[in-house]
N, C-alpha and C. Protein backbone atom coordinates (compact mmCIF):
# COMPACT_ATOMS: atom_id res chain seq x y z
N MET A 1 -15.94 -12.84 -13.84
CA MET A 1 -14.85 -12.95 -12.88
C MET A 1 -13.78 -11.90 -13.13
N GLY A 2 -13.07 -12.00 -14.26
CA GLY A 2 -12.00 -11.07 -14.56
C GLY A 2 -12.50 -9.72 -15.03
N GLY A 3 -13.83 -9.58 -15.21
CA GLY A 3 -14.40 -8.34 -15.71
C GLY A 3 -14.17 -7.16 -14.79
N VAL A 4 -14.22 -7.39 -13.50
CA VAL A 4 -14.05 -6.29 -12.55
C VAL A 4 -12.66 -5.67 -12.70
N VAL A 5 -11.64 -6.50 -12.80
CA VAL A 5 -10.28 -5.99 -12.94
C VAL A 5 -10.12 -5.27 -14.27
N ALA A 6 -10.67 -5.84 -15.33
CA ALA A 6 -10.54 -5.24 -16.65
C ALA A 6 -11.25 -3.89 -16.71
N GLU A 7 -12.39 -3.76 -16.02
CA GLU A 7 -13.17 -2.54 -16.08
C GLU A 7 -12.72 -1.51 -15.04
N SER A 8 -12.07 -1.94 -14.00
CA SER A 8 -11.66 -1.04 -12.93
C SER A 8 -10.33 -0.39 -13.28
N LYS A 9 -10.32 0.91 -13.19
CA LYS A 9 -9.09 1.65 -13.47
C LYS A 9 -8.51 2.12 -12.14
N VAL A 10 -7.24 1.89 -11.94
CA VAL A 10 -6.55 2.38 -10.75
C VAL A 10 -5.62 3.49 -11.20
N ASP A 11 -5.74 4.66 -10.58
CA ASP A 11 -4.87 5.79 -10.88
C ASP A 11 -3.61 5.65 -10.04
N PHE A 12 -2.58 5.04 -10.64
CA PHE A 12 -1.33 4.84 -9.92
C PHE A 12 -0.55 6.15 -9.76
N GLY A 13 -1.04 7.23 -10.40
CA GLY A 13 -0.43 8.54 -10.26
C GLY A 13 -1.03 9.37 -9.13
N ALA A 14 -2.02 8.80 -8.43
CA ALA A 14 -2.67 9.51 -7.33
C ALA A 14 -1.68 9.73 -6.18
N LEU A 15 -1.87 10.82 -5.44
CA LEU A 15 -1.02 11.12 -4.30
C LEU A 15 -1.21 10.05 -3.22
N ALA A 16 -0.10 9.59 -2.65
CA ALA A 16 -0.16 8.57 -1.60
C ALA A 16 0.99 8.79 -0.63
N VAL A 17 0.84 8.21 0.56
CA VAL A 17 1.85 8.33 1.61
C VAL A 17 2.12 6.94 2.18
N LEU A 18 3.39 6.58 2.26
CA LEU A 18 3.79 5.31 2.87
C LEU A 18 4.03 5.56 4.36
N HIS A 19 3.35 4.79 5.20
CA HIS A 19 3.49 4.91 6.66
C HIS A 19 4.12 3.65 7.22
N LYS A 20 4.82 3.80 8.33
CA LYS A 20 5.40 2.66 9.06
C LYS A 20 4.93 2.73 10.50
N TRP A 21 4.62 1.57 11.04
CA TRP A 21 4.23 1.47 12.44
C TRP A 21 5.46 1.21 13.30
N PRO A 22 5.58 1.91 14.42
CA PRO A 22 6.66 1.56 15.36
C PRO A 22 6.49 0.09 15.76
N SER A 23 7.59 -0.58 16.02
CA SER A 23 7.48 -2.00 16.33
C SER A 23 8.37 -2.38 17.50
N LEU A 24 8.00 -3.50 18.09
CA LEU A 24 8.78 -4.12 19.15
C LEU A 24 8.78 -5.60 18.84
N ALA A 25 9.94 -6.19 18.72
CA ALA A 25 10.07 -7.61 18.35
C ALA A 25 9.34 -7.91 17.04
N ASN A 26 9.46 -6.98 16.07
CA ASN A 26 8.87 -7.12 14.74
C ASN A 26 7.34 -7.19 14.76
N GLN A 27 6.73 -6.64 15.81
CA GLN A 27 5.27 -6.56 15.90
C GLN A 27 4.86 -5.10 16.03
N ARG A 28 3.73 -4.75 15.39
CA ARG A 28 3.22 -3.38 15.49
C ARG A 28 2.95 -3.01 16.94
N ARG A 29 3.25 -1.78 17.27
CA ARG A 29 2.94 -1.25 18.60
C ARG A 29 1.60 -0.52 18.51
N PRO A 30 0.52 -1.13 18.99
CA PRO A 30 -0.80 -0.49 18.87
C PRO A 30 -0.92 0.78 19.73
N ASP A 31 -0.01 0.96 20.67
CA ASP A 31 -0.06 2.14 21.53
C ASP A 31 0.67 3.33 20.92
N ARG A 32 1.21 3.17 19.73
CA ARG A 32 1.94 4.24 19.04
C ARG A 32 1.28 4.52 17.70
N ALA A 33 1.45 5.73 17.22
CA ALA A 33 0.91 6.10 15.91
C ALA A 33 1.92 5.77 14.81
N SER A 34 1.40 5.46 13.64
CA SER A 34 2.29 5.24 12.50
C SER A 34 2.87 6.59 12.09
N TYR A 35 3.98 6.54 11.36
CA TYR A 35 4.60 7.78 10.90
C TYR A 35 4.93 7.69 9.42
N GLN A 36 5.00 8.86 8.78
CA GLN A 36 5.24 8.94 7.35
C GLN A 36 6.68 8.58 7.01
N VAL A 37 6.84 7.70 6.04
CA VAL A 37 8.17 7.30 5.56
C VAL A 37 8.47 8.02 4.25
N SER A 38 7.50 8.05 3.36
CA SER A 38 7.68 8.75 2.09
C SER A 38 6.33 9.17 1.54
N GLU A 39 6.38 10.14 0.62
CA GLU A 39 5.17 10.65 -0.01
C GLU A 39 5.44 10.76 -1.49
N GLY A 40 4.44 10.47 -2.28
CA GLY A 40 4.59 10.55 -3.73
C GLY A 40 3.36 9.99 -4.40
N THR A 41 3.55 9.37 -5.54
CA THR A 41 2.42 8.75 -6.23
C THR A 41 2.14 7.37 -5.62
N LEU A 42 0.96 6.88 -5.89
CA LEU A 42 0.62 5.52 -5.45
C LEU A 42 1.63 4.54 -6.03
N ASP A 43 2.01 4.73 -7.27
CA ASP A 43 3.00 3.87 -7.92
C ASP A 43 4.33 3.89 -7.17
N ALA A 44 4.81 5.09 -6.82
CA ALA A 44 6.09 5.21 -6.11
C ALA A 44 6.01 4.58 -4.72
N CYS A 45 4.86 4.77 -4.04
CA CYS A 45 4.71 4.18 -2.70
C CYS A 45 4.64 2.66 -2.76
N ILE A 46 3.98 2.12 -3.77
CA ILE A 46 3.94 0.66 -3.94
C ILE A 46 5.35 0.14 -4.18
N SER A 47 6.12 0.84 -5.03
CA SER A 47 7.50 0.42 -5.31
C SER A 47 8.35 0.46 -4.05
N ALA A 48 8.21 1.55 -3.26
CA ALA A 48 8.98 1.68 -2.01
C ALA A 48 8.60 0.57 -1.04
N PHE A 49 7.31 0.24 -0.97
CA PHE A 49 6.83 -0.84 -0.10
C PHE A 49 7.43 -2.17 -0.53
N MET A 50 7.40 -2.45 -1.83
CA MET A 50 7.88 -3.74 -2.34
C MET A 50 9.38 -3.89 -2.17
N GLU A 51 10.11 -2.78 -2.01
CA GLU A 51 11.56 -2.85 -1.77
C GLU A 51 11.89 -3.22 -0.32
N LYS A 52 10.90 -3.11 0.56
CA LYS A 52 11.13 -3.47 1.97
C LYS A 52 11.25 -4.99 2.08
N PRO A 53 12.04 -5.46 3.05
CA PRO A 53 12.13 -6.92 3.24
C PRO A 53 10.75 -7.51 3.53
N ALA A 54 10.45 -8.64 2.92
CA ALA A 54 9.14 -9.27 3.09
C ALA A 54 8.80 -9.48 4.57
N ALA A 55 9.79 -9.75 5.39
CA ALA A 55 9.56 -10.03 6.81
C ALA A 55 9.14 -8.79 7.61
N THR A 56 9.30 -7.59 7.01
CA THR A 56 8.92 -6.37 7.74
C THR A 56 7.76 -5.63 7.08
N ARG A 57 7.25 -6.12 5.97
CA ARG A 57 6.19 -5.41 5.25
C ARG A 57 4.92 -5.24 6.06
N HIS A 58 4.67 -6.12 7.00
CA HIS A 58 3.45 -6.00 7.82
C HIS A 58 3.47 -4.74 8.70
N LEU A 59 4.61 -4.08 8.80
CA LEU A 59 4.72 -2.86 9.60
C LEU A 59 4.38 -1.61 8.79
N TYR A 60 4.08 -1.77 7.51
CA TYR A 60 3.82 -0.64 6.62
C TYR A 60 2.39 -0.62 6.11
N GLU A 61 1.92 0.57 5.72
CA GLU A 61 0.65 0.71 5.04
C GLU A 61 0.74 1.93 4.15
N ILE A 62 -0.11 1.98 3.14
CA ILE A 62 -0.16 3.13 2.25
C ILE A 62 -1.50 3.81 2.43
N ARG A 63 -1.46 5.13 2.55
CA ARG A 63 -2.68 5.92 2.67
C ARG A 63 -2.83 6.77 1.42
N THR A 64 -4.05 6.74 0.85
CA THR A 64 -4.32 7.45 -0.40
C THR A 64 -5.81 7.73 -0.49
N ALA A 65 -6.21 8.51 -1.48
CA ALA A 65 -7.64 8.75 -1.70
C ALA A 65 -8.28 7.46 -2.20
N PRO A 66 -9.45 7.10 -1.67
CA PRO A 66 -10.11 5.86 -2.11
C PRO A 66 -10.43 5.89 -3.61
N GLN A 67 -10.27 4.74 -4.24
CA GLN A 67 -10.64 4.55 -5.64
C GLN A 67 -11.45 3.25 -5.72
N PRO A 68 -12.73 3.29 -5.30
CA PRO A 68 -13.53 2.07 -5.29
C PRO A 68 -13.58 1.42 -6.67
N PRO A 69 -13.62 0.10 -6.75
CA PRO A 69 -13.67 -0.84 -5.62
C PRO A 69 -12.30 -1.38 -5.21
N LEU A 70 -11.24 -1.04 -5.94
CA LEU A 70 -9.95 -1.71 -5.70
C LEU A 70 -9.04 -1.03 -4.70
N VAL A 71 -9.20 0.29 -4.52
CA VAL A 71 -8.28 1.02 -3.65
C VAL A 71 -9.05 1.64 -2.49
N THR A 72 -8.64 1.30 -1.27
CA THR A 72 -9.25 1.86 -0.07
C THR A 72 -8.35 2.97 0.48
N GLU A 73 -8.85 3.72 1.45
CA GLU A 73 -8.09 4.84 2.00
C GLU A 73 -6.79 4.41 2.65
N ILE A 74 -6.85 3.28 3.38
CA ILE A 74 -5.65 2.73 4.01
C ILE A 74 -5.44 1.33 3.43
N LEU A 75 -4.30 1.15 2.77
CA LEU A 75 -4.01 -0.12 2.12
C LEU A 75 -3.14 -0.98 3.02
N SER A 76 -3.63 -2.15 3.36
CA SER A 76 -2.88 -3.10 4.17
C SER A 76 -1.74 -3.69 3.35
N PRO A 77 -0.76 -4.30 4.02
CA PRO A 77 0.34 -4.93 3.28
C PRO A 77 -0.15 -5.94 2.23
N GLU A 78 -1.15 -6.72 2.57
CA GLU A 78 -1.68 -7.71 1.64
C GLU A 78 -2.30 -7.02 0.42
N HIS A 79 -3.01 -5.92 0.67
CA HIS A 79 -3.66 -5.16 -0.39
C HIS A 79 -2.61 -4.53 -1.31
N VAL A 80 -1.54 -3.99 -0.73
CA VAL A 80 -0.47 -3.38 -1.52
C VAL A 80 0.18 -4.44 -2.42
N THR A 81 0.40 -5.62 -1.88
CA THR A 81 1.00 -6.71 -2.66
C THR A 81 0.10 -7.06 -3.85
N GLU A 82 -1.22 -7.12 -3.62
CA GLU A 82 -2.15 -7.41 -4.70
C GLU A 82 -2.13 -6.31 -5.76
N LEU A 83 -2.09 -5.04 -5.32
CA LEU A 83 -2.03 -3.93 -6.28
C LEU A 83 -0.72 -3.97 -7.08
N ALA A 84 0.37 -4.38 -6.43
CA ALA A 84 1.65 -4.50 -7.14
C ALA A 84 1.54 -5.55 -8.24
N ARG A 85 0.85 -6.64 -7.94
CA ARG A 85 0.65 -7.69 -8.95
C ARG A 85 -0.22 -7.17 -10.09
N LEU A 86 -1.27 -6.44 -9.74
CA LEU A 86 -2.17 -5.88 -10.75
C LEU A 86 -1.40 -4.90 -11.64
N ARG A 87 -0.58 -4.06 -11.02
CA ARG A 87 0.23 -3.07 -11.75
C ARG A 87 1.15 -3.77 -12.75
N GLU A 88 1.78 -4.87 -12.32
CA GLU A 88 2.67 -5.62 -13.22
C GLU A 88 1.87 -6.26 -14.36
N PHE A 89 0.66 -6.70 -14.06
CA PHE A 89 -0.18 -7.33 -15.05
C PHE A 89 -0.60 -6.33 -16.11
N LEU A 90 -0.86 -5.09 -15.69
CA LEU A 90 -1.31 -4.04 -16.62
C LEU A 90 -0.13 -3.50 -17.39
């Protein structure tokens, strides 16, 4: 069970970009493209994401190079939250 996490290494120093989706009434606008908010390391983007109010985090995503099996190219808000927990655990 816990073996996958223990054996999987996540490079939190990898280049990543935090994106935000335009919104209307706190909902993503599917007819608009997301835009870059900040660029830096995966660690810095996770920190910037976690500083956003919880009620607006669903409007953000992080894009980075995939690091299977834990990191995908586009990280959803739920995935970013899980990586933040993993980062704190490590």
